[in-house]
Amino acid sequence: MTVILSAVLGGYRLYDKLVELERRVTSLEKENHGIKKENALVIYALGACLDGLHQQGCNGKVTEAMEKIGKYINQAAHDQED
């Protein structure tokens, strides 16, 4: 009887730990999604600032940064499709 009760109790503890782990993973996924949205907004705003500088005649590093941001956005968009 003790062996059976110990096995049932051990199974319940394992199940409880798995449920808690799933809750934590879900919470982290939600947090990660929020961070990704915030990063996308920051990158968009940075691109707009660089575009404004470029329109005012700033070249060199501004043009290079715009190209890199454009390339990054393009690659990130393709990675999301997978």
N, C-alpha and C. Protein backbone atom coordinates (compact mmCIF):
# COMPACT_ATOMS: atom_id res chain seq x y z
N MET A 1 0.83 -1.19 0.00
CA MET A 1 0.00 0.00 0.00
C MET A 1 0.88 1.27 0.00
N THR A 2 1.95 1.26 0.77
CA THR A 2 2.84 2.41 0.86
C THR A 2 3.53 2.68 -0.47
N VAL A 3 3.91 1.62 -1.16
CA VAL A 3 4.57 1.77 -2.45
C VAL A 3 3.62 2.41 -3.46
N ILE A 4 2.40 1.97 -3.49
CA ILE A 4 1.41 2.52 -4.42
C ILE A 4 1.13 3.98 -4.10
N LEU A 5 0.96 4.28 -2.82
CA LEU A 5 0.70 5.66 -2.41
C LEU A 5 1.90 6.56 -2.73
N SER A 6 3.10 6.07 -2.53
CA SER A 6 4.30 6.84 -2.86
C SER A 6 4.40 7.10 -4.36
N ALA A 7 4.06 6.11 -5.16
CA ALA A 7 4.10 6.27 -6.61
C ALA A 7 3.06 7.30 -7.06
N VAL A 8 1.87 7.24 -6.50
CA VAL A 8 0.81 8.19 -6.87
C VAL A 8 1.21 9.61 -6.45
N LEU A 9 1.72 9.74 -5.24
CA LEU A 9 2.15 11.04 -4.74
C LEU A 9 3.32 11.58 -5.57
N GLY A 10 4.27 10.74 -5.93
CA GLY A 10 5.38 11.15 -6.78
C GLY A 10 4.90 11.59 -8.15
N GLY A 11 3.94 10.87 -8.71
CA GLY A 11 3.37 11.25 -10.01
C GLY A 11 2.66 12.59 -9.94
N TYR A 12 1.94 12.83 -8.85
CA TYR A 12 1.24 14.10 -8.69
C TYR A 12 2.24 15.25 -8.57
N ARG A 13 3.32 15.04 -7.81
CA ARG A 13 4.34 16.09 -7.66
C ARG A 13 4.99 16.41 -9.01
N LEU A 14 5.27 15.38 -9.77
CA LEU A 14 5.85 15.58 -11.09
C LEU A 14 4.88 16.35 -11.99
N TYR A 15 3.62 15.97 -11.96
CA TYR A 15 2.60 16.67 -12.75
C TYR A 15 2.51 18.13 -12.32
N ASP A 16 2.52 18.39 -11.03
CA ASP A 16 2.44 19.75 -10.51
C ASP A 16 3.64 20.59 -10.97
N LYS A 17 4.83 20.00 -10.95
CA LYS A 17 6.02 20.70 -11.42
C LYS A 17 5.94 21.00 -12.91
N LEU A 18 5.42 20.07 -13.68
CA LEU A 18 5.28 20.28 -15.13
C LEU A 18 4.29 21.39 -15.43
N VAL A 19 3.20 21.44 -14.69
CA VAL A 19 2.20 22.50 -14.88
C VAL A 19 2.81 23.86 -14.56
N GLU A 20 3.56 23.94 -13.46
CA GLU A 20 4.21 25.20 -13.08
C GLU A 20 5.23 25.61 -14.14
N LEU A 21 5.98 24.68 -14.65
CA LEU A 21 6.96 24.97 -15.71
C LEU A 21 6.25 25.49 -16.96
N GLU A 22 5.14 24.91 -17.31
CA GLU A 22 4.38 25.38 -18.48
C GLU A 22 3.88 26.80 -18.27
N ARG A 23 3.44 27.12 -17.06
CA ARG A 23 2.99 28.49 -16.76
C ARG A 23 4.14 29.48 -16.92
N ARG A 24 5.32 29.11 -16.44
CA ARG A 24 6.48 29.99 -16.55
C ARG A 24 6.87 30.20 -18.00
N VAL A 25 6.86 29.15 -18.78
CA VAL A 25 7.22 29.25 -20.20
C VAL A 25 6.22 30.16 -20.91
N THR A 26 4.95 30.00 -20.64
CA THR A 26 3.92 30.84 -21.26
C THR A 26 4.14 32.30 -20.89
N SER A 27 4.46 32.55 -19.63
CA SER A 27 4.72 33.92 -19.18
C SER A 27 5.92 34.51 -19.90
N LEU A 28 6.98 33.74 -20.03
CA LEU A 28 8.18 34.22 -20.73
C LEU A 28 7.92 34.47 -22.21
N GLU A 29 7.09 33.63 -22.82
CA GLU A 29 6.75 33.83 -24.24
C GLU A 29 5.99 35.13 -24.43
N LYS A 30 5.07 35.43 -23.51
CA LYS A 30 4.32 36.69 -23.60
C LYS A 30 5.26 37.88 -23.43
N GLU A 31 6.17 37.78 -22.47
CA GLU A 31 7.13 38.86 -22.23
C GLU A 31 8.02 39.05 -23.45
N ASN A 32 8.48 37.96 -24.04
CA ASN A 32 9.33 38.01 -25.22
C ASN A 32 8.60 38.67 -26.39
N HIS A 33 7.32 38.36 -26.55
CA HIS A 33 6.53 38.96 -27.63
C HIS A 33 6.45 40.48 -27.46
N GLY A 34 6.25 40.92 -26.20
CA GLY A 34 6.19 42.35 -25.93
C GLY A 34 7.50 43.04 -26.23
N ILE A 35 8.59 42.39 -25.87
CA ILE A 35 9.92 42.96 -26.13
C ILE A 35 10.17 43.06 -27.63
N LYS A 36 9.75 42.05 -28.38
CA LYS A 36 9.93 42.09 -29.83
C LYS A 36 9.14 43.24 -30.45
N LYS A 37 7.92 43.47 -29.98
CA LYS A 37 7.11 44.57 -30.50
C LYS A 37 7.77 45.91 -30.19
N GLU A 38 8.28 46.05 -28.99
CA GLU A 38 8.95 47.28 -28.60
C GLU A 38 10.21 47.51 -29.44
N ASN A 39 11.00 46.47 -29.64
CA ASN A 39 12.20 46.58 -30.46
C ASN A 39 11.87 46.97 -31.89
N ALA A 40 10.80 46.41 -32.43
CA ALA A 40 10.39 46.75 -33.80
C ALA A 40 10.05 48.24 -33.90
N LEU A 41 9.37 48.76 -32.88
CA LEU A 41 9.01 50.18 -32.88
C LEU A 41 10.26 51.05 -32.79
N VAL A 42 11.22 50.67 -31.97
CA VAL A 42 12.46 51.43 -31.83
C VAL A 42 13.24 51.43 -33.14
N ILE A 43 13.32 50.29 -33.79
CA ILE A 43 14.04 50.20 -35.06
C ILE A 43 13.34 51.04 -36.13
N TYR A 44 12.02 51.01 -36.15
CA TYR A 44 11.27 51.83 -37.11
C TYR A 44 11.55 53.31 -36.87
N ALA A 45 11.53 53.74 -35.60
CA ALA A 45 11.78 55.14 -35.27
C ALA A 45 13.21 55.54 -35.63
N LEU A 46 14.16 54.66 -35.36
CA LEU A 46 15.55 54.94 -35.71
C LEU A 46 15.70 55.09 -37.22
N GLY A 47 15.04 54.23 -37.97
CA GLY A 47 15.07 54.33 -39.43
C GLY A 47 14.49 55.65 -39.91
N ALA A 48 13.42 56.11 -39.26
CA ALA A 48 12.81 57.38 -39.63
C ALA A 48 13.76 58.55 -39.35
N CYS A 49 14.45 58.48 -38.21
CA CYS A 49 15.42 59.53 -37.87
C CYS A 49 16.57 59.56 -38.88
N LEU A 50 17.07 58.38 -39.21
CA LEU A 50 18.15 58.32 -40.19
C LEU A 50 17.69 58.82 -41.55
N ASP A 51 16.46 58.52 -41.91
CA ASP A 51 15.93 58.99 -43.19
C ASP A 51 15.85 60.51 -43.20
N GLY A 52 15.43 61.09 -42.08
CA GLY A 52 15.38 62.55 -41.98
C GLY A 52 16.75 63.17 -42.11
N LEU A 53 17.74 62.58 -41.47
CA LEU A 53 19.11 63.08 -41.59
C LEU A 53 19.62 62.95 -43.02
N HIS A 54 19.28 61.85 -43.64
CA HIS A 54 19.72 61.61 -45.02
C HIS A 54 19.10 62.64 -45.96
N GLN A 55 17.85 62.98 -45.73
CA GLN A 55 17.17 63.97 -46.56
C GLN A 55 17.77 65.37 -46.37
N GLN A 56 18.38 65.61 -45.22
CA GLN A 56 19.01 66.91 -44.97
C GLN A 56 20.44 66.96 -45.49
N GLY A 57 20.90 65.87 -46.10
CA GLY A 57 22.20 65.89 -46.74
C GLY A 57 23.29 65.16 -45.98
N CYS A 58 22.94 64.56 -44.84
CA CYS A 58 23.95 63.80 -44.09
C CYS A 58 24.19 62.48 -44.83
N ASN A 59 25.42 62.21 -45.12
CA ASN A 59 25.76 60.99 -45.85
C ASN A 59 26.76 60.19 -45.03
N GLY A 60 27.48 59.34 -45.66
CA GLY A 60 28.51 58.56 -44.98
C GLY A 60 27.91 57.52 -44.06
N LYS A 61 28.12 57.70 -42.77
CA LYS A 61 27.66 56.73 -41.77
C LYS A 61 26.14 56.63 -41.73
N VAL A 62 25.44 57.73 -42.03
CA VAL A 62 23.97 57.70 -42.04
C VAL A 62 23.48 56.76 -43.13
N THR A 63 24.04 56.90 -44.32
CA THR A 63 23.65 56.04 -45.43
C THR A 63 23.98 54.59 -45.12
N GLU A 64 25.16 54.37 -44.55
CA GLU A 64 25.57 53.01 -44.20
C GLU A 64 24.63 52.41 -43.15
N ALA A 65 24.26 53.19 -42.14
CA ALA A 65 23.36 52.70 -41.10
C ALA A 65 21.97 52.40 -41.66
N MET A 66 21.51 53.25 -42.59
CA MET A 66 20.20 53.01 -43.21
C MET A 66 20.21 51.69 -43.98
N GLU A 67 21.28 51.44 -44.70
CA GLU A 67 21.39 50.19 -45.45
C GLU A 67 21.40 48.98 -44.52
N LYS A 68 22.13 49.10 -43.41
CA LYS A 68 22.20 47.99 -42.46
C LYS A 68 20.85 47.74 -41.80
N ILE A 69 20.14 48.79 -41.44
CA ILE A 69 18.82 48.63 -40.83
C ILE A 69 17.85 48.02 -41.84
N GLY A 70 17.91 48.48 -43.07
CA GLY A 70 17.05 47.91 -44.11
C GLY A 70 17.32 46.43 -44.31
N LYS A 71 18.60 46.07 -44.32
CA LYS A 71 18.98 44.67 -44.48
C LYS A 71 18.50 43.85 -43.29
N TYR A 72 18.67 44.40 -42.08
CA TYR A 72 18.23 43.69 -40.87
C TYR A 72 16.71 43.47 -40.87
N ILE A 73 15.96 44.50 -41.22
CA ILE A 73 14.49 44.38 -41.26
C ILE A 73 14.07 43.34 -42.28
N ASN A 74 14.72 43.33 -43.43
CA ASN A 74 14.41 42.36 -44.47
C ASN A 74 14.69 40.93 -43.99
N GLN A 75 15.84 40.73 -43.36
CA GLN A 75 16.19 39.40 -42.85
C GLN A 75 15.24 38.97 -41.73
N ALA A 76 14.90 39.90 -40.85
CA ALA A 76 13.99 39.58 -39.75
C ALA A 76 12.60 39.21 -40.27
N ALA A 77 12.16 39.88 -41.31
CA ALA A 77 10.85 39.59 -41.89
C ALA A 77 10.84 38.18 -42.50
N HIS A 78 11.93 37.80 -43.13
CA HIS A 78 11.99 36.46 -43.73
C HIS A 78 12.09 35.38 -42.67
N ASP A 79 12.77 35.65 -41.57
CA ASP A 79 12.88 34.68 -40.48
C ASP A 79 11.53 34.44 -39.81
N GLN A 80 10.67 35.45 -39.77
CA GLN A 80 9.35 35.30 -39.16
C GLN A 80 8.44 34.42 -40.01
N GLU A 81 8.68 34.36 -41.30
CA GLU A 81 7.83 33.56 -42.17
C GLU A 81 8.06 32.07 -41.97
N ASP A 82 9.23 31.68 -41.47
CA ASP A 82 9.54 30.26 -41.30
C ASP A 82 8.67 29.59 -40.29
